[in-house]
């Protein structure tokens, strides 16, 4: 789940490659493509809101279609859920685990 610290760390690892924003893992050299909505989501994620809350806030804040924001948000979190133990030092979180219940709560 995203915390304020992990959002800051993620932002430090966003680079431009071939005119696309990508998330760069400095240890493995792996990259994850970031869609525009995913990048904007990093700016508002605080680790305390559900996926629905984040998608609605994203849609409202940046004048996006809610359905598009929700789909992009799900795709974005799915892409970073396996980001090589980068978030919460997990080994691998399945999509089902990442999106069951409330997204962003630390137990």
Protein backbone atom coordinates (compact mmCIF):
# COMPACT_ATOMS: atom_id res chain seq x y z
CA UNK A 1 0.00 0.00 0.00
CA UNK A 2 1.20 3.51 -0.69
CA UNK A 3 2.41 5.63 2.19
CA UNK A 4 3.66 9.20 2.03
CA UNK A 5 7.26 7.95 2.16
CA UNK A 6 6.74 5.40 -0.61
CA UNK A 7 5.07 8.04 -2.80
CA UNK A 8 8.09 10.32 -2.34
CA UNK A 9 10.44 7.43 -3.13
CA UNK A 10 8.38 6.48 -6.20
CA UNK A 11 8.47 10.06 -7.46
CA UNK A 12 12.26 10.10 -7.12
CA UNK A 13 12.40 7.11 -9.45
CA UNK A 14 10.20 8.51 -12.24
CA UNK A 15 12.26 9.14 -15.34
CA UNK A 16 11.56 9.92 -18.99
CA UNK A 17 12.50 7.19 -21.48
CA UNK A 18 11.63 7.48 -25.16
CA UNK A 19 9.24 10.37 -24.35
CA UNK A 20 7.32 8.21 -21.84
CA UNK A 21 7.26 8.47 -18.06
CA UNK A 22 8.57 5.28 -16.48
CA UNK A 23 9.23 4.11 -12.94
CA UNK A 24 12.86 2.99 -12.71
CA UNK A 25 14.14 0.39 -10.25
CA UNK A 26 17.73 1.46 -9.59
CA UNK A 27 18.67 -1.96 -8.21
CA UNK A 28 17.39 -4.26 -10.97
CA UNK A 29 17.14 -1.79 -13.84
CA UNK A 30 13.48 -2.78 -14.39
CA UNK A 31 11.07 -0.12 -15.60
CA UNK A 32 7.30 0.22 -15.34
CA UNK A 33 5.50 2.47 -17.81
CA UNK A 34 3.41 5.13 -16.08
CA UNK A 35 0.26 6.33 -17.77
CA UNK A 36 -0.63 9.97 -17.21
CA UNK A 37 -3.36 9.18 -14.69
CA UNK A 38 -1.02 6.98 -12.68
CA UNK A 39 1.51 9.78 -12.46
CA UNK A 40 -1.15 12.22 -11.29
CA UNK A 41 -2.36 9.66 -8.75
CA UNK A 42 1.07 9.64 -7.13
CA UNK A 43 0.53 13.32 -6.44
CA UNK A 44 -2.64 12.73 -4.38
CA UNK A 45 -2.22 9.25 -2.83
CA UNK A 46 -1.88 9.51 0.94
CA UNK A 47 -2.31 5.90 2.08
CA UNK A 48 -5.64 6.56 3.81
CA UNK A 49 -8.24 6.31 1.07
CA UNK A 50 -9.93 3.54 -0.88
CA UNK A 51 -9.39 2.91 -4.56
CA UNK A 52 -12.83 4.42 -5.23
CA UNK A 53 -11.97 7.53 -3.17
CA UNK A 54 -8.67 7.99 -4.99
CA UNK A 55 -10.27 7.53 -8.41
CA UNK A 56 -13.04 10.03 -7.62
CA UNK A 57 -10.54 12.56 -6.28
CA UNK A 58 -8.34 12.09 -9.31
CA UNK A 59 -11.27 12.50 -11.70
CA UNK A 60 -12.50 15.63 -9.90
CA UNK A 61 -9.11 17.25 -9.37
CA UNK A 62 -7.92 16.84 -12.92
CA UNK A 63 -11.25 16.95 -14.82
CA UNK A 64 -11.01 13.33 -15.95
CA UNK A 65 -13.80 10.91 -16.79
CA UNK A 66 -14.44 8.79 -13.64
CA UNK A 67 -14.50 5.47 -15.49
CA UNK A 68 -11.22 6.26 -17.22
CA UNK A 69 -9.67 7.38 -13.93
CA UNK A 70 -10.82 4.16 -12.21
CA UNK A 71 -9.49 1.89 -14.96
CA UNK A 72 -6.17 3.76 -15.13
CA UNK A 73 -5.90 3.67 -11.33
CA UNK A 74 -6.44 -0.09 -11.23
CA UNK A 75 -3.92 -0.64 -14.03
CA UNK A 76 -1.41 1.62 -12.31
CA UNK A 77 -1.67 -0.11 -8.92
CA UNK A 78 -1.57 -3.50 -10.61
CA UNK A 79 1.68 -2.50 -12.34
CA UNK A 80 3.34 -1.29 -9.13
CA UNK A 81 2.00 -4.07 -6.88
CA UNK A 82 4.82 -6.33 -8.05
CA UNK A 83 7.47 -3.62 -8.19
CA UNK A 84 10.21 -5.85 -6.79
CA UNK A 85 9.52 -5.41 -3.05
CA UNK A 86 9.62 -1.64 -3.49
CA UNK A 87 6.39 -0.87 -1.66
CA UNK A 88 6.02 -2.11 1.93
CA UNK A 89 8.89 -4.53 1.34
CA UNK A 90 6.51 -7.21 0.11
CA UNK A 91 7.60 -10.04 -2.16
CA UNK A 92 4.63 -9.95 -4.52
CA UNK A 93 1.05 -8.85 -3.98
CA UNK A 94 -1.64 -10.29 -6.20
CA UNK A 95 -4.21 -7.98 -7.72
CA UNK A 96 -6.88 -9.60 -5.56
CA UNK A 97 -4.98 -8.78 -2.37
CA UNK A 98 -4.08 -5.28 -3.52
CA UNK A 99 -7.67 -4.33 -4.25
CA UNK A 100 -9.67 -6.25 -1.64
CA UNK A 101 -11.11 -4.02 1.07
CA UNK A 102 -9.57 -0.58 1.37
CA UNK A 103 -6.48 0.28 -0.57
CA UNK A 104 -3.78 2.09 1.31
CA UNK A 105 -4.37 0.98 4.89
CA UNK A 106 -1.36 -0.38 6.68
CA UNK A 107 -2.10 -3.17 9.14
